[in-house]
């Protein structure tokens, strides 16, 4: 069955336009609720959200949907996506829901769901829910309608969890840390957790107004973080995205460090302590060739998946690896979390900083990246990748990069974009090949 609602990472779109309407959110609540009504216990769903204005509307609609089929609802309020995953499992809920469009602008919103084990739903689960969306739900009898309540200690539970992931023998005393919360879901918990561990915290992006999430701040707009780190004389800067499942780091000189470098730092540290499982790191096809070479030099393997942290996690679970992620900053550490967690990853980076007693600029750049270029081409309908001109350009580029680099051309899973990425030791060749393919895609659109 072709999937109409679910994309690479749940359901996402422009608010008040299908599929991100209150009506559809209600129906998704009914369908997902009906799918997880298993067994004779009292059923429970936990719902978190980020700080978007539309979160109130979507939350209310989903509460109506879940309660109408007999599920009780526990409302967490603004909380990071990984906190929802953690609380779903720890509260023995049947289902967890995060209302967020991650790093997208405030006008978008989305729905991510987690099973009772705290892991994102599988493709099969999403297909089953899509099937239920096509029909009419079986509504609960009046006496079996679900109840909804808000809990006040969700933030404290998550902060306690975060601190437990930090090595017990270490503290952050003496470190000045800038943390940019993107005016998003972690605006309370991130500064508080770092402060409780002893850090001198400089918070940025902690004044959400419903409209400013990811607006010139956070992991996708790191300029403010870079400037603040340098201006304040901080030792390091951490940038999260709107739902805090993504991390980008800035060293004391204001230089950006992406997810590939962070995975190398964390994985090699764990390998030296005998904690890395399977002698492998799982990443996507977007990760830099330099990461692959660095791991290979250490006797480790980089296993690649298609783009999407859910696919990274599926491969991690399949082979038993405990470190994986994406270049964009989704870092998954399954010894601690069932999904990407920007704060958990950030704490592992800070632990390395404390243990090695060196400036961030000396420990964060683990390898020299191979020249890599990614460009996005927006298209209006049609199937530009099927055009002969585009296919010919791709074939020619692959031939020129053979043995010297990689090419990846793929459609976005969430937007009408074609993503064109090439990497290789010859930067001029990489730039020319990407431009040639982008020009062909534009001509075919």
Protein backbone atom coordinates (compact mmCIF):
# COMPACT_ATOMS: atom_id res chain seq x y z
CA UNK A 1 0.00 0.00 0.00
CA UNK A 2 1.33 3.45 -0.92
CA UNK A 3 1.82 5.58 2.16
CA UNK A 4 -0.19 8.78 2.06
CA UNK A 5 0.58 10.25 5.47
CA UNK A 6 3.82 8.85 6.88
CA UNK A 7 7.14 10.03 5.48
CA UNK A 8 10.74 9.47 6.52
CA UNK A 9 10.06 10.61 10.08
CA UNK A 10 6.36 10.41 10.89
CA UNK A 11 3.77 12.79 9.48
CA UNK A 12 4.81 16.35 8.68
CA UNK A 13 3.53 19.36 6.78
CA UNK A 14 2.30 22.94 6.80
CA UNK A 15 -0.14 23.52 9.64
CA UNK A 16 -3.82 23.82 8.69
CA UNK A 17 -3.08 22.16 5.36
CA UNK A 18 -3.47 18.44 4.85
CA UNK A 19 -2.22 16.28 6.39
CA UNK A 20 -1.40 18.62 9.27
CA UNK A 21 -4.95 19.65 10.18
CA UNK A 22 -6.84 19.23 13.42
CA UNK A 23 -9.26 16.87 11.70
CA UNK A 24 -6.48 14.59 10.48
CA UNK A 25 -4.74 14.74 13.87
CA UNK A 26 -7.96 13.56 15.51
CA UNK A 27 -8.26 10.70 13.03
CA UNK A 28 -4.61 9.72 13.52
CA UNK A 29 -5.26 9.61 17.26
CA UNK A 30 -8.26 7.35 16.70
CA UNK A 31 -6.41 5.07 14.28
CA UNK A 32 -3.21 4.79 16.33
CA UNK A 33 -5.24 4.38 19.51
CA UNK A 34 -7.31 1.59 18.00
CA UNK A 35 -4.16 -0.13 16.72
CA UNK A 36 -2.59 -0.17 20.19
CA UNK A 37 -5.70 -1.25 22.11
CA UNK A 38 -4.26 -4.63 22.94
CA UNK A 39 -4.93 -6.66 26.06
CA UNK A 40 -7.43 -6.01 28.83
CA UNK A 41 -5.46 -3.39 30.82
CA UNK A 42 -6.28 0.32 30.95
CA UNK A 43 -4.57 1.78 27.90
CA UNK A 44 -2.36 4.85 28.04
CA UNK A 45 -0.69 7.22 25.58
CA UNK A 46 1.79 9.96 26.50
CA UNK A 47 1.88 13.11 24.37
CA UNK A 48 4.68 15.67 24.24
CA UNK A 49 5.17 18.64 21.97
CA UNK A 50 7.63 21.36 21.08
CA UNK A 51 6.91 25.09 21.37
CA UNK A 52 5.07 25.80 18.10
CA UNK A 53 1.89 27.82 18.30
CA UNK A 54 0.05 25.06 16.45
CA UNK A 55 1.03 22.55 19.13
CA UNK A 56 -1.97 23.50 21.25
CA UNK A 57 -4.37 22.78 18.38
CA UNK A 58 -2.73 19.51 17.38
CA UNK A 59 -2.48 18.33 20.97
CA UNK A 60 -6.16 18.98 21.65
CA UNK A 61 -7.19 17.20 18.47
CA UNK A 62 -5.10 14.14 19.27
CA UNK A 63 -6.44 14.02 22.83
CA UNK A 64 -9.94 13.95 21.39
CA UNK A 65 -8.98 11.15 19.03
CA UNK A 66 -7.30 8.94 21.60
CA UNK A 67 -9.92 9.39 24.31
CA UNK A 68 -12.75 8.74 21.83
CA UNK A 69 -11.48 5.19 21.28
CA UNK A 70 -10.91 4.55 24.96
CA UNK A 71 -7.29 5.51 25.58
CA UNK A 72 -6.20 7.55 28.60
CA UNK A 73 -3.86 10.43 27.78
CA UNK A 74 -0.94 11.77 29.80
CA UNK A 75 0.13 15.24 28.64
CA UNK A 76 3.79 16.12 29.13
CA UNK A 77 3.78 19.65 27.72
CA UNK A 78 6.88 20.93 25.89
CA UNK A 79 9.45 18.13 26.06
CA UNK A 80 12.22 16.85 23.76
CA UNK A 81 11.41 13.98 21.42
CA UNK A 82 13.82 11.60 23.21
CA UNK A 83 12.15 12.46 26.53
CA UNK A 84 8.83 11.31 25.10
CA UNK A 85 10.46 8.05 23.97
CA UNK A 86 11.99 7.51 27.41
CA UNK A 87 8.78 8.34 29.29
CA UNK A 88 6.68 6.12 27.03
CA UNK A 89 8.68 3.12 28.18
CA UNK A 90 9.22 4.16 31.81
CA UNK A 91 5.51 4.97 32.33
CA UNK A 92 4.47 1.67 30.70
CA UNK A 93 2.41 3.50 28.10
CA UNK A 94 1.08 1.68 25.07
CA UNK A 95 2.09 4.52 22.77
CA UNK A 96 4.04 7.78 22.79
CA UNK A 97 3.39 10.78 20.57
CA UNK A 98 5.61 13.77 19.86
CA UNK A 99 4.02 16.75 18.13
CA UNK A 100 6.88 18.48 16.36
CA UNK A 101 8.34 19.30 12.97
CA UNK A 102 11.87 19.07 14.35
CA UNK A 103 14.15 21.63 12.66
CA UNK A 104 11.44 23.04 10.34
CA UNK A 105 10.05 26.60 10.70
CA UNK A 106 7.18 27.28 13.11
CA UNK A 107 4.50 27.12 10.39
CA UNK A 108 5.10 23.38 9.96
CA UNK A 109 4.22 20.68 12.43
CA UNK A 110 4.38 16.93 12.62
CA UNK A 111 3.49 13.76 14.49
CA UNK A 112 6.04 11.15 15.55
CA UNK A 113 5.01 8.01 17.39
CA UNK A 114 6.78 5.52 19.64
CA UNK A 115 5.75 2.00 20.60
CA UNK A 116 5.60 0.73 24.20
CA UNK A 117 9.31 -0.17 23.99
CA UNK A 118 10.23 3.47 23.33
CA UNK A 119 11.29 2.86 19.73
CA UNK A 120 9.82 4.65 16.73
CA UNK A 121 7.10 2.73 14.96
CA UNK A 122 8.17 0.41 12.18
CA UNK A 123 7.13 0.84 8.56
CA UNK A 124 4.73 -2.05 9.07
CA UNK A 125 3.08 -0.35 12.07
CA UNK A 126 2.69 2.87 10.10
CA UNK A 127 1.14 1.00 7.18
CA UNK A 128 -1.38 -0.62 9.52
CA UNK A 129 -2.31 2.76 10.99
CA UNK A 130 -2.66 4.20 7.50
CA UNK A 131 -5.06 1.38 6.70
CA UNK A 132 -7.17 2.22 9.75
CA UNK A 133 -7.25 5.85 8.66
CA UNK A 134 -9.18 4.80 5.58
CA UNK A 135 -12.08 3.43 7.60
CA UNK A 136 -14.33 4.52 10.43
CA UNK A 137 -13.05 3.99 13.99
CA UNK A 138 -14.88 1.91 16.54
CA UNK A 139 -15.69 4.47 19.20
CA UNK A 140 -15.69 3.66 22.90
CA UNK A 141 -18.95 3.39 24.79
CA UNK A 142 -19.75 6.46 26.95
CA UNK A 143 -18.46 4.78 30.08
CA UNK A 144 -15.19 3.69 28.42
CA UNK A 145 -14.13 7.07 26.97
CA UNK A 146 -10.56 7.85 28.00
CA UNK A 147 -9.42 10.47 30.49
CA UNK A 148 -6.70 13.09 30.02
CA UNK A 149 -4.37 14.60 32.60
CA UNK A 150 -1.20 16.67 32.69
CA UNK A 151 1.76 15.66 34.82
CA UNK A 152 4.10 18.16 36.42
CA UNK A 153 7.19 16.04 37.01
CA UNK A 154 8.04 15.06 33.43
CA UNK A 155 10.80 17.65 33.22
CA UNK A 156 12.41 16.43 36.46
CA UNK A 157 12.23 12.79 35.37
CA UNK A 158 14.06 13.58 32.14
CA UNK A 159 16.74 15.71 33.82
CA UNK A 160 17.39 12.86 36.27
CA UNK A 161 17.68 10.46 33.34
CA UNK A 162 20.15 12.77 31.56
CA UNK A 163 22.39 13.10 34.59
CA UNK A 164 22.46 9.31 34.95
CA UNK A 165 24.00 9.02 31.45
CA UNK A 166 26.97 11.21 32.49
CA UNK A 167 29.94 9.33 34.01
CA UNK A 168 29.43 9.26 37.76
CA UNK A 169 33.04 10.19 38.56
CA UNK A 170 33.00 13.36 36.45
CA UNK A 171 31.61 16.87 36.90
CA UNK A 172 31.32 19.92 34.65
CA UNK A 173 32.69 22.30 37.28
CA UNK A 174 34.81 25.04 35.74
CA UNK A 175 33.41 24.65 32.23
CA UNK A 176 31.57 27.51 30.58
CA UNK A 177 29.04 26.06 28.14
CA UNK A 178 26.78 27.92 25.73
CA UNK A 179 23.65 25.92 24.94
CA UNK A 180 21.32 27.00 22.13
CA UNK A 181 17.90 25.40 22.58
CA UNK A 182 16.42 26.77 19.32
CA UNK A 183 13.50 28.28 21.27
CA UNK A 184 12.28 24.72 21.21
CA UNK A 185 11.37 21.76 23.37
CA UNK A 186 14.56 21.68 25.47
CA UNK A 187 14.49 25.33 26.52
CA UNK A 188 14.01 24.39 30.19
CA UNK A 189 15.66 20.99 30.55
CA UNK A 190 18.96 21.57 28.73
CA UNK A 191 20.25 24.54 30.75
CA UNK A 192 18.99 22.99 34.00
CA UNK A 193 20.68 19.61 33.44
CA UNK A 194 24.02 21.22 32.56
CA UNK A 195 23.84 23.57 35.56
CA UNK A 196 23.06 20.72 37.95
CA UNK A 197 26.17 18.93 36.69
CA UNK A 198 28.26 21.94 37.66
CA UNK A 199 28.63 23.93 34.45
CA UNK A 200 28.58 27.70 34.06
CA UNK A 201 25.71 27.85 31.54
CA UNK A 202 25.09 30.57 28.98
CA UNK A 203 21.60 29.85 27.57
CA UNK A 204 20.56 30.93 24.06
CA UNK A 205 17.23 30.34 22.34
CA UNK A 206 15.29 29.86 25.57
CA UNK A 207 12.47 32.39 25.04
CA UNK A 208 9.89 30.60 22.87
CA UNK A 209 6.85 32.60 21.78
CA UNK A 210 5.25 30.00 19.50
CA UNK A 211 6.64 31.61 16.36
CA UNK A 212 10.41 31.74 16.86
CA UNK A 213 11.31 28.04 17.05
CA UNK A 214 14.42 27.39 14.89
CA UNK A 215 14.34 31.06 13.82
CA UNK A 216 17.97 32.11 13.33
CA UNK A 217 18.98 29.76 16.15
CA UNK A 218 19.52 26.11 16.93
CA UNK A 219 21.49 23.41 15.13
CA UNK A 220 20.43 24.50 11.64
CA UNK A 221 21.33 28.18 12.24
CA UNK A 222 24.50 28.06 14.36
CA UNK A 223 25.88 31.57 13.69
CA UNK A 224 24.47 33.01 16.92
CA UNK A 225 25.96 30.13 18.91
CA UNK A 226 29.35 30.62 17.26
CA UNK A 227 29.34 34.34 18.05
CA UNK A 228 28.20 33.78 21.63
CA UNK A 229 30.84 31.14 22.36
CA UNK A 230 33.64 33.44 21.21
CA UNK A 231 32.21 36.60 22.79
CA UNK A 232 31.63 34.95 26.18
CA UNK A 233 34.93 33.07 26.26
CA UNK A 234 33.10 29.77 26.60
CA UNK A 235 34.86 26.42 26.43
CA UNK A 236 32.28 24.86 24.10
CA UNK A 237 28.84 25.40 22.60
CA UNK A 238 25.99 22.94 22.08
CA UNK A 239 23.17 23.57 19.60
CA UNK A 240 19.96 21.54 19.59
CA UNK A 241 17.10 21.62 17.10
CA UNK A 242 13.45 22.31 17.83
CA UNK A 243 12.72 18.89 19.35
CA UNK A 244 16.25 18.33 20.74
CA UNK A 245 17.01 15.03 19.03
CA UNK A 246 19.84 16.64 17.03
CA UNK A 247 23.17 18.09 18.17
CA UNK A 248 25.78 20.34 16.57
CA UNK A 249 28.83 21.47 18.56
CA UNK A 250 30.99 24.59 18.39
CA UNK A 251 34.53 24.64 19.81
CA UNK A 252 36.03 27.49 21.81
CA UNK A 253 37.20 29.17 18.58
CA UNK A 254 33.68 29.21 17.15
CA UNK A 255 34.34 26.43 14.66
CA UNK A 256 31.47 24.07 13.80
CA UNK A 257 31.67 20.34 14.49
CA UNK A 258 29.12 18.09 12.76
CA UNK A 259 27.64 14.73 13.63
CA UNK A 260 30.31 12.74 11.80
CA UNK A 261 33.07 14.17 13.98
CA UNK A 262 30.97 13.60 17.11
CA UNK A 263 30.32 9.97 16.17
CA UNK A 264 34.06 9.45 15.66
CA UNK A 265 34.89 11.02 19.03
CA UNK A 266 32.28 9.02 20.93
CA UNK A 267 32.86 5.71 19.13
CA UNK A 268 36.65 5.79 19.36
CA UNK A 269 36.46 6.66 23.04
CA UNK A 270 34.09 3.78 23.68
CA UNK A 271 36.29 1.46 21.60
CA UNK A 272 39.33 2.37 23.73
CA UNK A 273 37.35 1.45 26.86
CA UNK A 274 36.04 -1.80 25.38
CA UNK A 275 32.47 -0.48 25.30
CA UNK A 276 31.83 -0.32 21.53
CA UNK A 277 29.72 -3.25 20.40
CA UNK A 278 30.23 -5.08 17.13
CA UNK A 279 33.31 -3.01 16.16
CA UNK A 280 30.92 -0.99 14.01
CA UNK A 281 29.37 2.45 13.74
CA UNK A 282 26.10 2.84 11.83
CA UNK A 283 25.59 5.96 9.73
CA UNK A 284 23.73 6.99 6.59
CA UNK A 285 24.89 7.35 3.02
CA UNK A 286 25.36 11.07 3.75
CA UNK A 287 28.22 10.59 6.22
CA UNK A 288 31.62 11.78 5.06
CA UNK A 289 34.14 9.40 3.54
CA UNK A 290 36.65 10.78 6.03
CA UNK A 291 34.68 9.17 8.87
CA UNK A 292 34.79 5.83 7.12
CA UNK A 293 38.57 6.09 6.66
CA UNK A 294 39.14 7.16 10.29
CA UNK A 295 37.16 4.23 11.65
CA UNK A 296 38.85 1.81 9.27
CA UNK A 297 42.28 2.94 10.52
CA UNK A 298 41.13 1.98 14.02
CA UNK A 299 39.96 -1.45 12.87
CA UNK A 300 36.30 -0.47 12.88
CA UNK A 301 33.65 -0.61 10.19
CA UNK A 302 31.26 2.13 9.07
CA UNK A 303 27.96 0.52 8.06
CA UNK A 304 25.77 2.80 5.92
CA UNK A 305 21.99 2.94 5.67
CA UNK A 306 19.55 5.05 3.73
CA UNK A 307 18.83 8.52 5.09
CA UNK A 308 16.73 8.70 8.24
CA UNK A 309 17.67 8.05 11.85
CA UNK A 310 14.98 5.37 12.05
CA UNK A 311 16.88 3.31 9.46
CA UNK A 312 20.13 3.83 11.34
CA UNK A 313 18.45 2.53 14.48
CA UNK A 314 16.95 -0.46 12.69
CA UNK A 315 20.40 -1.49 11.50
CA UNK A 316 21.89 -0.90 14.95
CA UNK A 317 19.30 -3.20 16.46
CA UNK A 318 19.80 -5.79 13.72
CA UNK A 319 23.55 -6.16 14.23
CA UNK A 320 23.77 -5.15 17.89
CA UNK A 321 25.72 -1.90 17.47
CA UNK A 322 25.47 0.79 20.13
CA UNK A 323 26.71 3.91 18.29
CA UNK A 324 25.11 5.38 15.21
CA UNK A 325 23.74 8.55 13.74
CA UNK A 326 23.66 11.11 10.99
CA UNK A 327 25.99 13.84 9.84
CA UNK A 328 23.20 16.31 10.64
CA UNK A 329 23.62 15.57 14.34
CA UNK A 330 21.19 12.77 15.14
CA UNK A 331 23.38 10.66 17.42
CA UNK A 332 21.91 7.40 18.74
CA UNK A 333 23.54 5.76 21.74
CA UNK A 334 21.48 2.69 22.51
CA UNK A 335 23.20 2.05 25.83
CA UNK A 336 21.16 5.05 27.00
CA UNK A 337 18.34 5.85 24.55
CA UNK A 338 15.95 4.29 22.07
CA UNK A 339 16.20 7.25 19.69
CA UNK A 340 18.51 10.15 18.85
CA UNK A 341 19.08 12.42 21.84
CA UNK A 342 21.00 15.66 21.41
CA UNK A 343 21.54 16.13 25.13
CA UNK A 344 22.70 12.58 25.80
CA UNK A 345 25.18 12.90 22.92
CA UNK A 346 26.25 16.31 24.18
CA UNK A 347 26.98 14.94 27.62
CA UNK A 348 29.24 12.24 26.14
CA UNK A 349 31.15 14.96 24.27
CA UNK A 350 31.47 17.00 27.46
CA UNK A 351 32.70 13.93 29.34
CA UNK A 352 35.51 13.53 26.78
CA UNK A 353 36.36 17.22 27.19
CA UNK A 354 36.61 16.86 30.95
CA UNK A 355 38.59 13.62 30.86
CA UNK A 356 41.12 14.71 28.26
CA UNK A 357 41.65 18.16 29.81
CA UNK A 358 42.29 19.70 26.41
CA UNK A 359 40.56 22.54 24.53
CA UNK A 360 37.56 21.48 22.48
CA UNK A 361 39.34 22.45 19.25
CA UNK A 362 41.98 19.80 19.95
CA UNK A 363 39.68 16.87 20.59
CA UNK A 364 36.58 17.47 18.47
CA UNK A 365 38.13 17.41 15.00
CA UNK A 366 38.82 13.71 14.75
CA UNK A 367 39.51 13.49 11.00
CA UNK A 368 40.00 15.66 7.93
CA UNK A 369 36.73 15.59 5.99
CA UNK A 370 36.82 14.65 2.33
CA UNK A 371 35.50 17.56 0.23
CA UNK A 372 31.75 17.10 0.13
CA UNK A 373 29.03 19.23 -1.41
CA UNK A 374 25.27 18.92 -0.93
CA UNK A 375 22.76 21.01 -2.86
CA UNK A 376 18.96 20.91 -2.81
CA UNK A 377 16.88 21.56 -5.89
CA UNK A 378 13.20 22.35 -5.37
CA UNK A 379 10.81 21.02 -7.99
CA UNK A 380 7.13 21.53 -8.75
CA UNK A 381 5.54 18.19 -9.52
CA UNK A 382 6.68 15.58 -11.99
CA UNK A 383 9.52 13.10 -11.58
CA UNK A 384 12.76 14.87 -12.53
CA UNK A 385 14.93 11.87 -11.59
CA UNK A 386 13.31 9.88 -14.40
CA UNK A 387 14.30 12.41 -17.06
CA UNK A 388 16.93 11.12 -19.52
CA UNK A 389 19.11 14.21 -19.16
CA UNK A 390 19.26 13.79 -15.39
CA UNK A 391 19.97 10.06 -15.62
CA UNK A 392 22.75 10.68 -18.17
CA UNK A 393 24.39 13.32 -15.96
CA UNK A 394 24.23 11.00 -12.96
CA UNK A 395 25.79 8.14 -14.90
CA UNK A 396 28.59 10.38 -16.17
CA UNK A 397 29.30 11.69 -12.67
CA UNK A 398 29.41 8.19 -11.19
CA UNK A 399 31.92 7.17 -13.83
CA UNK A 400 34.18 10.16 -13.07
CA UNK A 401 34.04 9.52 -9.31
CA UNK A 402 34.60 5.78 -9.61
CA UNK A 403 37.21 4.76 -7.05
CA UNK A 404 37.77 8.40 -6.03
CA UNK A 405 34.56 9.38 -4.27
CA UNK A 406 30.80 8.94 -3.96
CA UNK A 407 27.65 10.36 -5.49
CA UNK A 408 24.18 10.36 -3.96
CA UNK A 409 21.06 11.76 -5.65
CA UNK A 410 17.76 11.26 -3.84
CA UNK A 411 14.39 12.89 -3.22
CA UNK A 412 13.71 14.37 0.21
CA UNK A 413 11.32 12.35 2.35
CA UNK A 414 9.62 15.46 3.75
CA UNK A 415 9.81 18.22 1.10
CA UNK A 416 9.60 18.57 -2.73
CA UNK A 417 13.38 18.61 -3.05
CA UNK A 418 15.99 16.62 -4.89
CA UNK A 419 19.15 16.33 -2.82
CA UNK A 420 22.41 16.07 -4.78
CA UNK A 421 25.55 15.14 -2.86
CA UNK A 422 29.02 14.27 -4.09
CA UNK A 423 32.32 13.84 -2.31
CA UNK A 424 35.86 13.08 -3.38
CA UNK A 425 39.44 14.17 -2.92
CA UNK A 426 39.19 16.57 -5.91
CA UNK A 427 37.04 19.46 -4.68
CA UNK A 428 36.76 21.16 -8.08
CA UNK A 429 35.47 17.95 -9.65
CA UNK A 430 32.94 17.50 -6.85
CA UNK A 431 31.59 21.02 -7.30
CA UNK A 432 31.34 20.70 -11.06
CA UNK A 433 29.52 17.36 -10.96
CA UNK A 434 26.98 18.56 -8.37
CA UNK A 435 26.28 21.73 -10.36
CA UNK A 436 25.84 19.73 -13.57
CA UNK A 437 23.27 17.43 -11.99
CA UNK A 438 21.41 20.29 -10.27
CA UNK A 439 21.17 22.12 -13.60
CA UNK A 440 19.73 19.01 -15.24
CA UNK A 441 17.17 18.56 -12.44
CA UNK A 442 16.06 22.18 -12.78
CA UNK A 443 15.68 21.76 -16.54
CA UNK A 444 13.55 18.64 -16.03
CA UNK A 445 11.30 20.20 -13.36
